[in-house]
PDB file of N, CA and C in Angstrom:
ATOM      1  N   MET A   1     134.241-177.626  95.830  1.00  0.00           N
ATOM      2  CA  MET A   1     135.325-178.513  95.495  1.00  0.00           C
ATOM      3  C   MET A   1     136.240-177.825  94.495  1.00  0.00           C
ATOM      4  N   TYR A   2     137.518-178.014  94.663  1.00  0.00           N
ATOM      5  CA  TYR A   2     138.506-177.408  93.792  1.00  0.00           C
ATOM      6  C   TYR A   2     138.506-178.088  92.441  1.00  0.00           C
ATOM      7  N   LYS A   3     138.509-177.289  91.390  1.00  0.00           N
ATOM      8  CA  LYS A   3     138.620-177.826  90.046  1.00  0.00           C
ATOM      9  C   LYS A   3     140.055-177.634  89.572  1.00  0.00           C
ATOM     10  N   GLN A   4     140.573-178.589  88.827  1.00  0.00           N
ATOM     11  CA  GLN A   4     141.927-178.482  88.291  1.00  0.00           C
ATOM     12  C   GLN A   4     142.026-177.182  87.500  1.00  0.00           C
ATOM     13  N   PRO A   5     143.072-176.381  87.741  1.00  0.00           N
ATOM     14  CA  PRO A   5     143.184-175.107  87.040  1.00  0.00           C
ATOM     15  C   PRO A   5     143.452-175.309  85.560  1.00  0.00           C
ATOM     16  N   GLU A   6     143.009-174.333  84.780  1.00  0.00           N
ATOM     17  CA  GLU A   6     143.337-174.342  83.369  1.00  0.00           C
ATOM     18  C   GLU A   6     144.828-174.057  83.237  1.00  0.00           C
ATOM     19  N   GLU A   7     145.391-174.396  82.115  1.00  0.00           N
ATOM     20  CA  GLU A   7     146.824-174.234  81.905  1.00  0.00           C
ATOM     21  C   GLU A   7     147.281-172.803  82.168  1.00  0.00           C
ATOM     22  N   ASN A   8     146.501-171.814  81.753  1.00  0.00           N
ATOM     23  CA  ASN A   8     146.925-170.425  81.910  1.00  0.00           C
ATOM     24  C   ASN A   8     146.711-169.887  83.318  1.00  0.00           C
ATOM     25  N   SER A   9     146.113-170.668  84.212  1.00  0.00           N
ATOM     26  CA  SER A   9     145.877-170.161  85.561  1.00  0.00           C
ATOM     27  C   SER A   9     147.182-169.978  86.320  1.00  0.00           C
ATOM     28  N   ARG A  10     148.243-170.679  85.925  1.00  0.00           N
ATOM     29  CA  ARG A  10     149.540-170.501  86.561  1.00  0.00           C
ATOM     30  C   ARG A  10     150.070-169.095  86.293  1.00  0.00           C
ATOM     31  N   ALA A  11     149.490-168.416  85.300  1.00  0.00           N
ATOM     32  CA  ALA A  11     149.905-167.060  84.979  1.00  0.00           C
ATOM     33  C   ALA A  11     149.309-166.052  85.953  1.00  0.00           C
ATOM     34  N   LEU A  12     148.364-166.481  86.786  1.00  0.00           N
ATOM     35  CA  LEU A  12     147.818-165.585  87.794  1.00  0.00           C
ATOM     36  C   LEU A  12     148.946-165.120  88.698  1.00  0.00           C
ATOM     37  N   SER A  13     148.813-163.930  89.195  1.00  0.00           N
ATOM     38  CA  SER A  13     149.853-163.432  90.085  1.00  0.00           C
ATOM     39  C   SER A  13     149.222-162.747  91.287  1.00  0.00           C
ATOM     40  N   GLY A  14     150.052-162.451  92.264  1.00  0.00           N
ATOM     41  CA  GLY A  14     149.618-161.718  93.444  1.00  0.00           C
ATOM     42  C   GLY A  14     148.470-162.381  94.168  1.00  0.00           C
ATOM     43  N   GLY A  15     147.501-161.565  94.547  1.00  0.00           N
ATOM     44  CA  GLY A  15     146.374-162.037  95.335  1.00  0.00           C
ATOM     45  C   GLY A  15     145.574-163.128  94.657  1.00  0.00           C
ATOM     46  N   GLU A  16     145.416-163.044  93.332  1.00  0.00           N
ATOM     47  CA  GLU A  16     144.657-164.081  92.622  1.00  0.00           C
ATOM     48  C   GLU A  16     145.350-165.430  92.738  1.00  0.00           C
ATOM     49  N   ALA A  17     146.663-165.439  92.567  1.00  0.00           N
ATOM     50  CA  ALA A  17     147.420-166.694  92.677  1.00  0.00           C
ATOM     51  C   ALA A  17     147.367-167.227  94.103  1.00  0.00           C
ATOM     52  N   ILE A  18     147.501-166.345  95.081  1.00  0.00           N
ATOM     53  CA  ILE A  18     147.446-166.759  96.482  1.00  0.00           C
ATOM     54  C   ILE A  18     146.104-167.411  96.789  1.00  0.00           C
ATOM     55  N   LEU A  19     145.029-166.785  96.366  1.00  0.00           N
ATOM     56  CA  LEU A  19     143.699-167.351  96.621  1.00  0.00           C
ATOM     57  C   LEU A  19     143.515-168.688  95.906  1.00  0.00           C
ATOM     58  N   GLU A  20     144.061-168.814  94.695  1.00  0.00           N
ATOM     59  CA  GLU A  20     143.972-170.094  93.983  1.00  0.00           C
ATOM     60  C   GLU A  20     144.722-171.185  94.750  1.00  0.00           C
ATOM     61  N   ILE A  21     145.911-170.867  95.230  1.00  0.00           N
ATOM     62  CA  ILE A  21     146.710-171.832  95.984  1.00  0.00           C
ATOM     63  C   ILE A  21     145.980-172.267  97.242  1.00  0.00           C
ATOM     64  N   LEU A  22     145.427-171.311  97.976  1.00  0.00           N
ATOM     65  CA  LEU A  22     144.726-171.631  99.218  1.00  0.00           C
ATOM     66  C   LEU A  22     143.474-172.461  98.956  1.00  0.00           C
ATOM     67  N   ALA A  23     142.750-172.146  97.880  1.00  0.00           N
ATOM     68  CA  ALA A  23     141.561-172.929  97.532  1.00  0.00           C
ATOM     69  C   ALA A  23     141.956-174.348  97.139  1.00  0.00           C
ATOM     70  N   ARG A  24     143.015-174.459  96.379  1.00  0.00           N
ATOM     71  CA  ARG A  24     143.461-175.790  95.966  1.00  0.00           C
ATOM     72  C   ARG A  24     143.929-176.597  97.171  1.00  0.00           C
ATOM     73  N   ALA A  25     144.651-175.962  98.090  1.00  0.00           N
ATOM     74  CA  ALA A  25     145.111-176.651  99.300  1.00  0.00           C
ATOM     75  C   ALA A  25     143.929-177.127 100.147  1.00  0.00           C
ATOM     76  N   ALA A  26     142.853-176.359 100.160  1.00  0.00           N
ATOM     77  CA  ALA A  26     141.675-176.726 100.947  1.00  0.00           C
ATOM     78  C   ALA A  26     140.918-177.900 100.339  1.00  0.00           C
ATOM     79  N   ASP A  27     140.961-178.024  99.009  1.00  0.00           N
ATOM     80  CA  ASP A  27     140.114-178.992  98.330  1.00  0.00           C
ATOM     81  C   ASP A  27     140.849-180.189  97.731  1.00  0.00           C
ATOM     82  N   ASP A  28     142.160-180.130  97.648  1.00  0.00           N
ATOM     83  CA  ASP A  28     142.931-181.173  96.974  1.00  0.00           C
ATOM     84  C   ASP A  28     143.979-181.712  97.950  1.00  0.00           C
ATOM     85  N   GLN A  29     143.690-182.863  98.538  1.00  0.00           N
ATOM     86  CA  GLN A  29     144.580-183.432  99.560  1.00  0.00           C
ATOM     87  C   GLN A  29     145.977-183.741  99.032  1.00  0.00           C
ATOM     88  N   LYS A  30     146.087-184.182  97.781  1.00  0.00           N
ATOM     89  CA  LYS A  30     147.404-184.462  97.213  1.00  0.00           C
ATOM     90  C   LYS A  30     148.225-183.176  97.079  1.00  0.00           C
ATOM     91  N   PHE A  31     147.579-182.117  96.637  1.00  0.00           N
ATOM     92  CA  PHE A  31     148.261-180.827  96.534  1.00  0.00           C
ATOM     93  C   PHE A  31     148.671-180.343  97.917  1.00  0.00           C
ATOM     94  N   LEU A  32     147.776-180.472  98.890  1.00  0.00           N
ATOM     95  CA  LEU A  32     148.081-180.058 100.261  1.00  0.00           C
ATOM     96  C   LEU A  32     149.288-180.825 100.799  1.00  0.00           C
ATOM     97  N   ALA A  33     149.348-182.108 100.531  1.00  0.00           N
ATOM     98  CA  ALA A  33     150.482-182.919 100.983  1.00  0.00           C
ATOM     99  C   ALA A  33     151.779-182.468 100.311  1.00  0.00           C
ATOM    100  N   ARG A  34     151.717-182.204  99.016  1.00  0.00           N
ATOM    101  CA  ARG A  34     152.905-181.704  98.303  1.00  0.00           C
ATOM    102  C   ARG A  34     153.351-180.359  98.868  1.00  0.00           C
ATOM    103  N   LEU A  35     152.387-179.503  99.125  1.00  0.00           N
ATOM    104  CA  LEU A  35     152.679-178.183  99.671  1.00  0.00           C
ATOM    105  C   LEU A  35     153.313-178.301 101.051  1.00  0.00           C
ATOM    106  N   ALA A  36     152.814-179.210 101.863  1.00  0.00           N
ATOM    107  CA  ALA A  36     153.367-179.413 103.202  1.00  0.00           C
ATOM    108  C   ALA A  36     154.773-180.002 103.136  1.00  0.00           C
ATOM    109  N   GLU A  37     155.003-180.890 102.184  1.00  0.00           N
ATOM    110  CA  GLU A  37     156.299-181.551 102.055  1.00  0.00           C
ATOM    111  C   GLU A  37     157.387-180.609 101.547  1.00  0.00           C
ATOM    112  N   ASN A  38     157.055-179.793 100.558  1.00  0.00           N
ATOM    113  CA  ASN A  38     158.057-178.911  99.967  1.00  0.00           C
ATOM    114  C   ASN A  38     157.385-177.644  99.439  1.00  0.00           C
ATOM    115  N   PRO A  39     157.035-176.715 100.348  1.00  0.00           N
ATOM    116  CA  PRO A  39     156.294-175.532  99.913  1.00  0.00           C
ATOM    117  C   PRO A  39     157.036-174.686  98.884  1.00  0.00           C
ATOM    118  N   HIS A  40     158.343-174.566  99.005  1.00  0.00           N
ATOM    119  CA  HIS A  40     159.080-173.716  98.067  1.00  0.00           C
ATOM    120  C   HIS A  40     159.041-174.272  96.646  1.00  0.00           C
ATOM    121  N   LYS A  41     159.111-175.588  96.506  1.00  0.00           N
ATOM    122  CA  LYS A  41     159.028-176.200  95.180  1.00  0.00           C
ATOM    123  C   LYS A  41     157.645-175.991  94.582  1.00  0.00           C
ATOM    124  N   VAL A  42     156.617-176.281  95.357  1.00  0.00           N
ATOM    125  CA  VAL A  42     155.244-176.150  94.866  1.00  0.00           C
ATOM    126  C   VAL A  42     154.927-174.693  94.541  1.00  0.00           C
ATOM    127  N   LEU A  43     155.292-173.794  95.415  1.00  0.00           N
ATOM    128  CA  LEU A  43     154.987-172.379  95.194  1.00  0.00           C
ATOM    129  C   LEU A  43     155.779-171.808  94.025  1.00  0.00           C
ATOM    130  N   GLY A  44     156.913-172.434  93.701  1.00  0.00           N
ATOM    131  CA  GLY A  44     157.701-172.012  92.554  1.00  0.00           C
ATOM    132  C   GLY A  44     156.986-172.233  91.228  1.00  0.00           C
ATOM    133  N   GLU A  45     155.931-173.040  91.244  1.00  0.00           N
ATOM    134  CA  GLU A  45     155.137-173.301  90.043  1.00  0.00           C
ATOM    135  C   GLU A  45     154.188-172.150  89.729  1.00  0.00           C
ATOM    136  N   TYR A  46     154.072-171.207  90.645  1.00  0.00           N
ATOM    137  CA  TYR A  46     153.136-170.093  90.496  1.00  0.00           C
ATOM    138  C   TYR A  46     153.889-168.787  90.305  1.00  0.00           C
ATOM    139  N   ASN A  47     153.218-167.825  89.722  1.00  0.00           N
ATOM    140  CA  ASN A  47     153.785-166.519  89.449  1.00  0.00           C
ATOM    141  C   ASN A  47     153.629-165.634  90.693  1.00  0.00           C
ATOM    142  N   LEU A  48     154.511-165.847  91.661  1.00  0.00           N
ATOM    143  CA  LEU A  48     154.480-165.116  92.923  1.00  0.00           C
ATOM    144  C   LEU A  48     155.798-164.387  93.126  1.00  0.00           C
ATOM    145  N   THR A  49     155.748-163.307  93.878  1.00  0.00           N
ATOM    146  CA  THR A  49     156.981-162.630  94.249  1.00  0.00           C
ATOM    147  C   THR A  49     157.677-163.459  95.328  1.00  0.00           C
ATOM    148  N   LEU A  50     158.930-163.171  95.570  1.00  0.00           N
ATOM    149  CA  LEU A  50     159.653-163.861  96.646  1.00  0.00           C
ATOM    150  C   LEU A  50     158.972-163.631  97.984  1.00  0.00           C
ATOM    151  N   GLU A  51     158.485-162.420  98.213  1.00  0.00           N
ATOM    152  CA  GLU A  51     157.805-162.113  99.473  1.00  0.00           C
ATOM    153  C   GLU A  51     156.521-162.916  99.621  1.00  0.00           C
ATOM    154  N   GLU A  52     155.767-163.048  98.536  1.00  0.00           N
ATOM    155  CA  GLU A  52     154.530-163.835  98.577  1.00  0.00           C
ATOM    156  C   GLU A  52     154.828-165.311  98.830  1.00  0.00           C
ATOM    157  N   ARG A  53     155.836-165.842  98.136  1.00  0.00           N
ATOM    158  CA  ARG A  53     156.215-167.244  98.357  1.00  0.00           C
ATOM    159  C   ARG A  53     156.647-167.488  99.791  1.00  0.00           C
ATOM    160  N   ALA A  54     157.462-166.564 100.322  1.00  0.00           N
ATOM    161  CA  ALA A  54     157.952-166.722 101.694  1.00  0.00           C
ATOM    162  C   ALA A  54     156.801-166.679 102.694  1.00  0.00           C
ATOM    163  N   ALA A  55     155.870-165.763 102.509  1.00  0.00           N
ATOM    164  CA  ALA A  55     154.736-165.646 103.437  1.00  0.00           C
ATOM    165  C   ALA A  55     153.876-166.907 103.404  1.00  0.00           C
ATOM    166  N   LEU A  56     153.628-167.433 102.218  1.00  0.00           N
ATOM    167  CA  LEU A  56     152.853-168.671 102.118  1.00  0.00           C
ATOM    168  C   LEU A  56     153.617-169.846 102.713  1.00  0.00           C
ATOM    169  N   ALA A  57     154.896-169.951 102.417  1.00  0.00           N
ATOM    170  CA  ALA A  57     155.700-171.061 102.940  1.00  0.00           C
ATOM    171  C   ALA A  57     155.763-171.031 104.458  1.00  0.00           C
ATOM    172  N   ARG A  58     155.845-169.848 105.032  1.00  0.00           N
ATOM    173  CA  ARG A  58     155.888-169.714 106.493  1.00  0.00           C
ATOM    174  C   ARG A  58     154.529-169.901 107.134  1.00  0.00           C
ATOM    175  N   GLY A  59     153.479-169.716 106.345  1.00  0.00           N
ATOM    176  CA  GLY A  59     152.136-169.766 106.917  1.00  0.00           C
ATOM    177  C   GLY A  59     151.778-168.454 107.595  1.00  0.00           C
ATOM    178  N   ASP A  60     152.251-167.351 107.046  1.00  0.00           N
ATOM    179  CA  ASP A  60     152.042-166.019 107.624  1.00  0.00           C
ATOM    180  C   ASP A  60     150.663-165.487 107.238  1.00  0.00           C
ATOM    181  N   VAL A  61     149.656-165.930 107.971  1.00  0.00           N
ATOM    182  CA  VAL A  61     148.272-165.565 107.669  1.00  0.00           C
ATOM    183  C   VAL A  61     148.044-164.058 107.799  1.00  0.00           C
ATOM    184  N   ILE A  62     148.724-163.409 108.701  1.00  0.00           N
ATOM    185  CA  ILE A  62     148.544-161.962 108.890  1.00  0.00           C
ATOM    186  C   ILE A  62     148.961-161.210 107.629  1.00  0.00           C
ATOM    187  N   LYS A  63     150.118-161.556 107.093  1.00  0.00           N
ATOM    188  CA  LYS A  63     150.599-160.891 105.877  1.00  0.00           C
ATOM    189  C   LYS A  63     149.693-161.218 104.690  1.00  0.00           C
ATOM    190  N   ILE A  64     149.306-162.482 104.568  1.00  0.00           N
ATOM    191  CA  ILE A  64     148.447-162.889 103.452  1.00  0.00           C
ATOM    192  C   ILE A  64     147.113-162.151 103.521  1.00  0.00           C
ATOM    193  N   GLU A  65     146.519-162.081 104.707  1.00  0.00           N
ATOM    194  CA  GLU A  65     145.237-161.373 104.833  1.00  0.00           C
ATOM    195  C   GLU A  65     145.386-159.880 104.584  1.00  0.00           C
ATOM    196  N   ALA A  66     146.542-159.322 104.839  1.00  0.00           N
ATOM    197  CA  ALA A  66     146.770-157.905 104.524  1.00  0.00           C
ATOM    198  C   ALA A  66     146.722-157.697 103.009  1.00  0.00           C
ATOM    199  N   TRP A  67     147.142-158.706 102.257  1.00  0.00           N
ATOM    200  CA  TRP A  67     147.138-158.599 100.795  1.00  0.00           C
ATOM    201  C   TRP A  67     145.803-158.940 100.164  1.00  0.00           C
ATOM    202  N   VAL A  68     145.113-159.966 100.687  1.00  0.00           N
ATOM    203  CA  VAL A  68     143.915-160.473 100.003  1.00  0.00           C
ATOM    204  C   VAL A  68     142.622-160.277 100.782  1.00  0.00           C
ATOM    205  N   GLY A  69     142.696-159.799 102.002  1.00  0.00           N
ATOM    206  CA  GLY A  69     141.510-159.660 102.832  1.00  0.00           C
ATOM    207  C   GLY A  69     141.333-160.873 103.728  1.00  0.00           C
ATOM    208  N   GLN A  70     140.362-160.777 104.618  1.00  0.00           N
ATOM    209  CA  GLN A  70     140.140-161.846 105.592  1.00  0.00           C
ATOM    210  C   GLN A  70     139.743-163.137 104.888  1.00  0.00           C
ATOM    211  N   LEU A  71     140.370-164.228 105.316  1.00  0.00           N
ATOM    212  CA  LEU A  71     140.108-165.546 104.743  1.00  0.00           C
ATOM    213  C   LEU A  71     139.045-166.270 105.552  1.00  0.00           C
ATOM    214  N   ASP A  72     138.214-167.047 104.861  1.00  0.00           N
ATOM    215  CA  ASP A  72     137.248-167.874 105.576  1.00  0.00           C
ATOM    216  C   ASP A  72     137.948-169.129 106.080  1.00  0.00           C
ATOM    217  N   GLU A  73     137.250-169.923 106.851  1.00  0.00           N
ATOM    218  CA  GLU A  73     137.847-171.117 107.451  1.00  0.00           C
ATOM    219  C   GLU A  73     138.378-172.087 106.400  1.00  0.00           C
ATOM    220  N   ARG A  74     137.663-172.239 105.317  1.00  0.00           N
ATOM    221  CA  ARG A  74     138.104-173.155 104.261  1.00  0.00           C
ATOM    222  C   ARG A  74     139.460-172.732 103.715  1.00  0.00           C
ATOM    223  N   LEU A  75     139.637-171.458 103.440  1.00  0.00           N
ATOM    224  CA  LEU A  75     140.892-170.978 102.870  1.00  0.00           C
ATOM    225  C   LEU A  75     142.032-170.949 103.890  1.00  0.00           C
ATOM    226  N   ARG A  76     141.715-171.112 105.154  1.00  0.00           N
ATOM    227  CA  ARG A  76     142.743-171.160 106.191  1.00  0.00           C
ATOM    228  C   ARG A  76     143.320-172.568 106.402  1.00  0.00           C
ATOM    229  N   THR A  77     142.859-173.526 105.608  1.00  0.00           N
ATOM    230  CA  THR A  77     143.314-174.910 105.758  1.00  0.00           C
ATOM    231  C   THR A  77     144.831-175.006 105.733  1.00  0.00           C
ATOM    232  N   TRP A  78     145.471-174.389 104.754  1.00  0.00           N
ATOM    233  CA  TRP A  78     146.933-174.467 104.646  1.00  0.00           C
ATOM    234  C   TRP A  78     147.605-173.941 105.905  1.00  0.00           C
ATOM    235  N   PHE A  79     147.106-172.866 106.472  1.00  0.00           N
ATOM    236  CA  PHE A  79     147.739-172.273 107.646  1.00  0.00           C
ATOM    237  C   PHE A  79     147.630-173.194 108.855  1.00  0.00           C
ATOM    238  N   LYS A  80     146.512-173.890 108.964  1.00  0.00           N
ATOM    239  CA  LYS A  80     146.348-174.860 110.054  1.00  0.00           C
ATOM    240  C   LYS A  80     147.354-175.999 109.905  1.00  0.00           C
ATOM    241  N   VAL A  81     147.524-176.490 108.694  1.00  0.00           N
ATOM    242  CA  VAL A  81     148.492-177.565 108.452  1.00  0.00           C
ATOM    243  C   VAL A  81     149.899-177.056 108.739  1.00  0.00           C
ATOM    244  N   ARG A  82     150.202-175.876 108.285  1.00  0.00           N
ATOM    245  CA  ARG A  82     151.541-175.302 108.477  1.00  0.00           C
ATOM    246  C   ARG A  82     151.851-175.162 109.957  1.00  0.00           C
ATOM    247  N   LEU A  83     150.884-174.727 110.747  1.00  0.00           N
ATOM    248  CA  LEU A  83     151.103-174.567 112.181  1.00  0.00           C
ATOM    249  C   LEU A  83     151.389-175.915 112.868  1.00  0.00           C
ATOM    250  N   THR A  84     150.771-176.979 112.380  1.00  0.00           N
ATOM    251  CA  THR A  84     151.031-178.291 112.984  1.00  0.00           C
ATOM    252  C   THR A  84     152.433-178.783 112.681  1.00  0.00           C
ATOM    253  N   GLN A  85     153.063-178.211 111.675  1.00  0.00           N
ATOM    254  CA  GLN A  85     154.435-178.599 111.317  1.00  0.00           C
ATOM    255  C   GLN A  85     155.476-177.864 112.134  1.00  0.00           C
ATOM    256  N   GLU A  86     155.086-176.791 112.820  1.00  0.00           N
ATOM    257  CA  GLU A  86     156.034-176.010 113.621  1.00  0.00           C
ATOM    258  C   GLU A  86     156.631-176.868 114.719  1.00  0.00           C
ATOM    259  N   ARG A  87     157.874-176.703 114.952  1.00  0.00           N
ATOM    260  CA  ARG A  87     158.576-177.431 116.025  1.00  0.00           C
ATOM    261  C   ARG A  87     158.772-176.475 117.181  1.00  0.00           C
ATOM    262  N   TRP A  88     158.218-176.823 118.311  1.00  0.00           N
ATOM    263  CA  TRP A  88     158.331-175.948 119.499  1.00  0.00           C
ATOM    264  C   TRP A  88     159.368-176.480 120.437  1.00  0.00           C
TER     265      TRP A  88
END
């Protein structure tokens, strides 16, 4: 289960921040809903590069896994939600 991050956890950057975001999205339904509603706003709360924010907002699992390694099913929760939002 995801634990609320400490105040300084927002200072995490790169892969650590990405993994924290994915873990929180997997375990915190309110956070997941906020992320789905406005990913750029939510991701702006974290110390990420523009490229990292864009990859997360798009749900680019290939790029994310290139940075942090293969994700387990739990950490892929955000990508599954993001894919359901795609308009075909």
